[in-house]
Amino acid sequence: EGLARLGHRAIVAPVLAIEDIASSI
């Protein structure tokens, strides 16, 4: 979205994915 506001075209290609860790607090 930020790139589009600047007139750029984003090619979204995530190389990382976020996963939960069920750790205690």
PDB file of all heavy atoms in Angstrom:
ATOM      1  N   GLU A   1       0.829  -1.205   0.000  1.00  0.00           N
ATOM      2  CA  GLU A   1       0.000   0.000   0.000  1.00  0.00           C
ATOM      3  C   GLU A   1       0.865   1.258   0.000  1.00  0.00           C
ATOM      4  O   GLU A   1       0.582   2.232  -0.707  1.00  0.00           O
ATOM      5  CB  GLU A   1      -0.925  -0.005   1.226  1.00  0.00           C
ATOM      6  CG  GLU A   1      -1.997  -1.080   1.179  1.00  0.00           C
ATOM      7  CD  GLU A   1      -2.766  -1.173   2.478  1.00  0.00           C
ATOM      8  OE1 GLU A   1      -2.462  -0.397   3.415  1.00  0.00           O
ATOM      9  OE2 GLU A   1      -3.680  -2.026   2.568  1.00  0.00           O
ATOM     10  N   GLY A   2       1.925   1.247   0.801  1.00  0.00           N
ATOM     11  CA  GLY A   2       2.830   2.386   0.845  1.00  0.00           C
ATOM     12  C   GLY A   2       3.525   2.616  -0.486  1.00  0.00           C
ATOM     13  O   GLY A   2       3.688   3.756  -0.934  1.00  0.00           O
ATOM     14  N   LEU A   3       3.936   1.538  -1.134  1.00  0.00           N
ATOM     15  CA  LEU A   3       4.579   1.659  -2.437  1.00  0.00           C
ATOM     16  C   LEU A   3       3.615   2.211  -3.479  1.00  0.00           C
ATOM     17  O   LEU A   3       3.993   3.035  -4.327  1.00  0.00           O
ATOM     18  CB  LEU A   3       5.110   0.297  -2.885  1.00  0.00           C
ATOM     19  CG  LEU A   3       6.347  -0.221  -2.135  1.00  0.00           C
ATOM     20  CD1 LEU A   3       6.593  -1.692  -2.469  1.00  0.00           C
ATOM     21  CD2 LEU A   3       7.580   0.612  -2.456  1.00  0.00           C
ATOM     22  N   ALA A   4       2.364   1.765  -3.429  1.00  0.00           N
ATOM     23  CA  ALA A   4       1.365   2.244  -4.385  1.00  0.00           C
ATOM     24  C   ALA A   4       1.153   3.746  -4.252  1.00  0.00           C
ATOM     25  O   ALA A   4       0.989   4.450  -5.258  1.00  0.00           O
ATOM     26  CB  ALA A   4       0.050   1.495  -4.189  1.00  0.00           C
ATOM     27  N   ARG A   5       1.176   4.239  -3.010  1.00  0.00           N
ATOM     28  CA  ARG A   5       1.010   5.686  -2.801  1.00  0.00           C
ATOM     29  C   ARG A   5       2.158   6.467  -3.430  1.00  0.00           C
ATOM     30  O   ARG A   5       2.004   7.644  -3.781  1.00  0.00           O
ATOM     31  CB  ARG A   5       0.898   5.997  -1.313  1.00  0.00           C
ATOM     32  CG  ARG A   5      -0.419   5.555  -0.692  1.00  0.00           C
ATOM     33  CD  ARG A   5      -0.617   6.160   0.687  1.00  0.00           C
ATOM     34  NE  ARG A   5       0.323   5.631   1.658  1.00  0.00           N
ATOM     35  CZ  ARG A   5       0.101   4.550   2.399  1.00  0.00           C
ATOM     36  NH1 ARG A   5      -1.036   3.868   2.257  1.00  0.00           N
ATOM     37  NH2 ARG A   5       0.992   4.141   3.281  1.00  0.00           N
ATOM     38  N   LEU A   6       3.314   5.835  -3.569  1.00  0.00           N
ATOM     39  CA  LEU A   6       4.475   6.491  -4.167  1.00  0.00           C
ATOM     40  C   LEU A   6       4.559   6.255  -5.674  1.00  0.00           C
ATOM     41  O   LEU A   6       5.510   6.702  -6.325  1.00  0.00           O
ATOM     42  CB  LEU A   6       5.755   5.981  -3.496  1.00  0.00           C
ATOM     43  CG  LEU A   6       5.919   6.329  -2.016  1.00  0.00           C
ATOM     44  CD1 LEU A   6       7.131   5.612  -1.435  1.00  0.00           C
ATOM     45  CD2 LEU A   6       6.052   7.832  -1.818  1.00  0.00           C
ATOM     46  N   GLY A   7       3.572   5.548  -6.218  1.00  0.00           N
ATOM     47  CA  GLY A   7       3.547   5.314  -7.649  1.00  0.00           C
ATOM     48  C   GLY A   7       4.277   4.065  -8.114  1.00  0.00           C
ATOM     49  O   GLY A   7       4.496   3.890  -9.314  1.00  0.00           O
ATOM     50  N   HIS A   8       4.641   3.184  -7.166  1.00  0.00           N
ATOM     51  CA  HIS A   8       5.330   1.947  -7.513  1.00  0.00           C
ATOM     52  C   HIS A   8       4.343   0.777  -7.533  1.00  0.00           C
ATOM     53  O   HIS A   8       3.277   0.824  -6.909  1.00  0.00           O
ATOM     54  CB  HIS A   8       6.443   1.642  -6.513  1.00  0.00           C
ATOM     55  CG  HIS A   8       7.464   2.723  -6.399  1.00  0.00           C
ATOM     56  ND1 HIS A   8       8.231   3.148  -7.458  1.00  0.00           N
ATOM     57  CD2 HIS A   8       7.861   3.474  -5.321  1.00  0.00           C
ATOM     58  CE1 HIS A   8       9.048   4.106  -7.068  1.00  0.00           C
ATOM     59  NE2 HIS A   8       8.845   4.323  -5.779  1.00  0.00           N
ATOM     60  N   ARG A   9       4.721  -0.272  -8.221  1.00  0.00           N
ATOM     61  CA  ARG A   9       3.932  -1.512  -8.237  1.00  0.00           C
ATOM     62  C   ARG A   9       4.647  -2.548  -7.391  1.00  0.00           C
ATOM     63  O   ARG A   9       5.807  -2.877  -7.633  1.00  0.00           O
ATOM     64  CB  ARG A   9       3.779  -2.025  -9.664  1.00  0.00           C
ATOM     65  CG  ARG A   9       3.175  -3.424  -9.750  1.00  0.00           C
ATOM     66  CD  ARG A   9       3.011  -3.878 -11.193  1.00  0.00           C
ATOM     67  NE  ARG A   9       2.660  -5.298 -11.267  1.00  0.00           N
ATOM     68  CZ  ARG A   9       3.490  -6.270 -11.635  1.00  0.00           C
ATOM     69  NH1 ARG A   9       4.742  -5.963 -11.996  1.00  0.00           N
ATOM     70  NH2 ARG A   9       3.096  -7.528 -11.653  1.00  0.00           N
ATOM     71  N   ALA A  10       3.963  -3.058  -6.382  1.00  0.00           N
ATOM     72  CA  ALA A  10       4.546  -4.076  -5.505  1.00  0.00           C
ATOM     73  C   ALA A  10       4.281  -5.464  -6.067  1.00  0.00           C
ATOM     74  O   ALA A  10       3.174  -5.770  -6.517  1.00  0.00           O
ATOM     75  CB  ALA A  10       3.962  -3.966  -4.108  1.00  0.00           C
ATOM     76  N   ILE A  11       5.305  -6.292  -6.044  1.00  0.00           N
ATOM     77  CA  ILE A  11       5.175  -7.719  -6.345  1.00  0.00           C
ATOM     78  C   ILE A  11       5.379  -8.439  -5.016  1.00  0.00           C
ATOM     79  O   ILE A  11       6.495  -8.540  -4.503  1.00  0.00           O
ATOM     80  CB  ILE A  11       6.223  -8.169  -7.374  1.00  0.00           C
ATOM     81  CG1 ILE A  11       6.107  -7.349  -8.667  1.00  0.00           C
ATOM     82  CG2 ILE A  11       6.069  -9.661  -7.668  1.00  0.00           C
ATOM     83  CD1 ILE A  11       7.287  -7.519  -9.606  1.00  0.00           C
ATOM     84  N   VAL A  12       4.291  -8.888  -4.422  1.00  0.00           N
ATOM     85  CA  VAL A  12       4.341  -9.471  -3.079  1.00  0.00           C
ATOM     86  C   VAL A  12       4.706 -10.946  -3.177  1.00  0.00           C
ATOM     87  O   VAL A  12       3.989 -11.739  -3.803  1.00  0.00           O
ATOM     88  CB  VAL A  12       2.995  -9.286  -2.354  1.00  0.00           C
ATOM     89  CG1 VAL A  12       3.013  -9.999  -1.007  1.00  0.00           C
ATOM     90  CG2 VAL A  12       2.702  -7.801  -2.171  1.00  0.00           C
ATOM     91  N   ALA A  13       5.830 -11.306  -2.585  1.00  0.00           N
ATOM     92  CA  ALA A  13       6.340 -12.679  -2.655  1.00  0.00           C
ATOM     93  C   ALA A  13       7.036 -13.021  -1.342  1.00  0.00           C
ATOM     94  O   ALA A  13       8.264 -13.061  -1.268  1.00  0.00           O
ATOM     95  CB  ALA A  13       7.301 -12.829  -3.832  1.00  0.00           C
ATOM     96  N   PRO A  14       6.277 -13.274  -0.275  1.00  0.00           N
ATOM     97  CA  PRO A  14       6.890 -13.528   1.036  1.00  0.00           C
ATOM     98  C   PRO A  14       7.803 -14.757   1.027  1.00  0.00           C
ATOM     99  O   PRO A  14       7.422 -15.818   0.532  1.00  0.00           O
ATOM    100  CB  PRO A  14       5.686 -13.752   1.956  1.00  0.00           C
ATOM    101  CG  PRO A  14       4.538 -13.082   1.263  1.00  0.00           C
ATOM    102  CD  PRO A  14       4.815 -13.280  -0.206  1.00  0.00           C
ATOM    103  N   VAL A  15       8.999 -14.595   1.591  1.00  0.00           N
ATOM    104  CA  VAL A  15       9.911 -15.740   1.734  1.00  0.00           C
ATOM    105  C   VAL A  15       9.922 -16.250   3.174  1.00  0.00           C
ATOM    106  O   VAL A  15      10.587 -17.245   3.468  1.00  0.00           O
ATOM    107  CB  VAL A  15      11.344 -15.389   1.280  1.00  0.00           C
ATOM    108  CG1 VAL A  15      11.361 -15.025  -0.197  1.00  0.00           C
ATOM    109  CG2 VAL A  15      11.941 -14.272   2.122  1.00  0.00           C
ATOM    110  N   LEU A  16       9.189 -15.569   4.068  1.00  0.00           N
ATOM    111  CA  LEU A  16       9.032 -16.022   5.448  1.00  0.00           C
ATOM    112  C   LEU A  16       7.544 -16.020   5.800  1.00  0.00           C
ATOM    113  O   LEU A  16       6.783 -15.191   5.300  1.00  0.00           O
ATOM    114  CB  LEU A  16       9.759 -15.094   6.431  1.00  0.00           C
ATOM    115  CG  LEU A  16      11.272 -14.913   6.291  1.00  0.00           C
ATOM    116  CD1 LEU A  16      11.770 -13.937   7.346  1.00  0.00           C
ATOM    117  CD2 LEU A  16      12.007 -16.241   6.417  1.00  0.00           C
ATOM    118  N   ALA A  17       7.150 -16.945   6.657  1.00  0.00           N
ATOM    119  CA  ALA A  17       5.781 -16.998   7.175  1.00  0.00           C
ATOM    120  C   ALA A  17       5.823 -16.984   8.700  1.00  0.00           C
ATOM    121  O   ALA A  17       6.727 -17.575   9.309  1.00  0.00           O
ATOM    122  CB  ALA A  17       5.066 -18.244   6.675  1.00  0.00           C
ATOM    123  N   ILE A  18       4.880 -16.294   9.317  1.00  0.00           N
ATOM    124  CA  ILE A  18       4.842 -16.177  10.773  1.00  0.00           C
ATOM    125  C   ILE A  18       3.993 -17.292  11.366  1.00  0.00           C
ATOM    126  O   ILE A  18       2.841 -17.496  10.972  1.00  0.00           O
ATOM    127  CB  ILE A  18       4.272 -14.806  11.197  1.00  0.00           C
ATOM    128  CG1 ILE A  18       5.125 -13.668  10.624  1.00  0.00           C
ATOM    129  CG2 ILE A  18       4.204 -14.711  12.717  1.00  0.00           C
ATOM    130  CD1 ILE A  18       6.573 -13.679  11.068  1.00  0.00           C
ATOM    131  N   GLU A  19       4.558 -18.024  12.329  1.00  0.00           N
ATOM    132  CA  GLU A  19       3.865 -19.113  13.001  1.00  0.00           C
ATOM    133  C   GLU A  19       3.866 -18.888  14.511  1.00  0.00           C
ATOM    134  O   GLU A  19       4.840 -18.377  15.072  1.00  0.00           O
ATOM    135  CB  GLU A  19       4.546 -20.452  12.706  1.00  0.00           C
ATOM    136  CG  GLU A  19       4.541 -20.848  11.239  1.00  0.00           C
ATOM    137  CD  GLU A  19       5.234 -22.175  11.007  1.00  0.00           C
ATOM    138  OE1 GLU A  19       5.814 -22.723  11.980  1.00  0.00           O
ATOM    139  OE2 GLU A  19       5.195 -22.680   9.873  1.00  0.00           O
ATOM    140  N   ASP A  20       2.775 -19.284  15.172  1.00  0.00           N
ATOM    141  CA  ASP A  20       2.673 -19.168  16.627  1.00  0.00           C
ATOM    142  C   ASP A  20       3.610 -20.151  17.322  1.00  0.00           C
ATOM    143  O   ASP A  20       3.876 -21.247  16.819  1.00  0.00           O
ATOM    144  CB  ASP A  20       1.246 -19.458  17.092  1.00  0.00           C
ATOM    145  CG  ASP A  20       0.257 -18.380  16.687  1.00  0.00           C
ATOM    146  OD1 ASP A  20       0.705 -17.332  16.181  1.00  0.00           O
ATOM    147  OD2 ASP A  20      -0.954 -18.590  16.857  1.00  0.00           O
ATOM    148  N   ILE A  21       4.086 -19.745  18.497  1.00  0.00           N
ATOM    149  CA  ILE A  21       4.792 -20.639  19.410  1.00  0.00           C
ATOM    150  C   ILE A  21       3.977 -20.687  20.702  1.00  0.00           C
ATOM    151  O   ILE A  21       3.692 -19.640  21.301  1.00  0.00           O
ATOM    152  CB  ILE A  21       6.217 -20.150  19.718  1.00  0.00           C
ATOM    153  CG1 ILE A  21       7.070 -20.133  18.452  1.00  0.00           C
ATOM    154  CG2 ILE A  21       6.867 -21.038  20.778  1.00  0.00           C
ATOM    155  CD1 ILE A  21       8.473 -19.604  18.671  1.00  0.00           C
ATOM    156  N   ALA A  22       3.605 -21.879  21.120  1.00  0.00           N
ATOM    157  CA  ALA A  22       2.763 -22.031  22.307  1.00  0.00           C
ATOM    158  C   ALA A  22       3.616 -22.062  23.568  1.00  0.00           C
ATOM    159  O   ALA A  22       3.596 -23.023  24.339  1.00  0.00           O
ATOM    160  CB  ALA A  22       1.924 -23.294  22.193  1.00  0.00           C
ATOM    161  N   SER A  23       4.379 -21.008  23.788  1.00  0.00           N
ATOM    162  CA  SER A  23       5.238 -20.945  24.976  1.00  0.00           C
ATOM    163  C   SER A  23       4.483 -20.337  26.147  1.00  0.00           C
ATOM    164  O   SER A  23       3.509 -19.604  25.969  1.00  0.00           O
ATOM    165  CB  SER A  23       6.482 -20.107  24.679  1.00  0.00           C
ATOM    166  OG  SER A  23       6.114 -18.808  24.275  1.00  0.00           O
ATOM    167  N   SER A  24       4.942 -20.648  27.340  1.00  0.00           N
ATOM    168  CA  SER A  24       4.303 -20.093  28.539  1.00  0.00           C
ATOM    169  C   SER A  24       4.795 -18.677  28.790  1.00  0.00           C
ATOM    170  O   SER A  24       5.882 -18.287  28.362  1.00  0.00           O
ATOM    171  CB  SER A  24       4.617 -20.972  29.748  1.00  0.00           C
ATOM    172  OG  SER A  24       6.013 -20.979  29.990  1.00  0.00           O
ATOM    173  N   ILE A  25       3.966 -17.901  29.457  1.00  0.00           N
ATOM    174  CA  ILE A  25       4.332 -16.549  29.864  1.00  0.00           C
ATOM    175  C   ILE A  25       4.383 -16.533  31.388  1.00  0.00           C
ATOM    176  O   ILE A  25       3.341 -16.605  32.055  1.00  0.00           O
ATOM    177  CB  ILE A  25       3.321 -15.513  29.346  1.00  0.00           C
ATOM    178  CG1 ILE A  25       3.273 -15.554  27.811  1.00  0.00           C
ATOM    179  CG2 ILE A  25       3.684 -14.115  29.838  1.00  0.00           C
ATOM    180  CD1 ILE A  25       2.243 -14.623  27.214  1.00  0.00           C
TER     181      ILE A  25
END
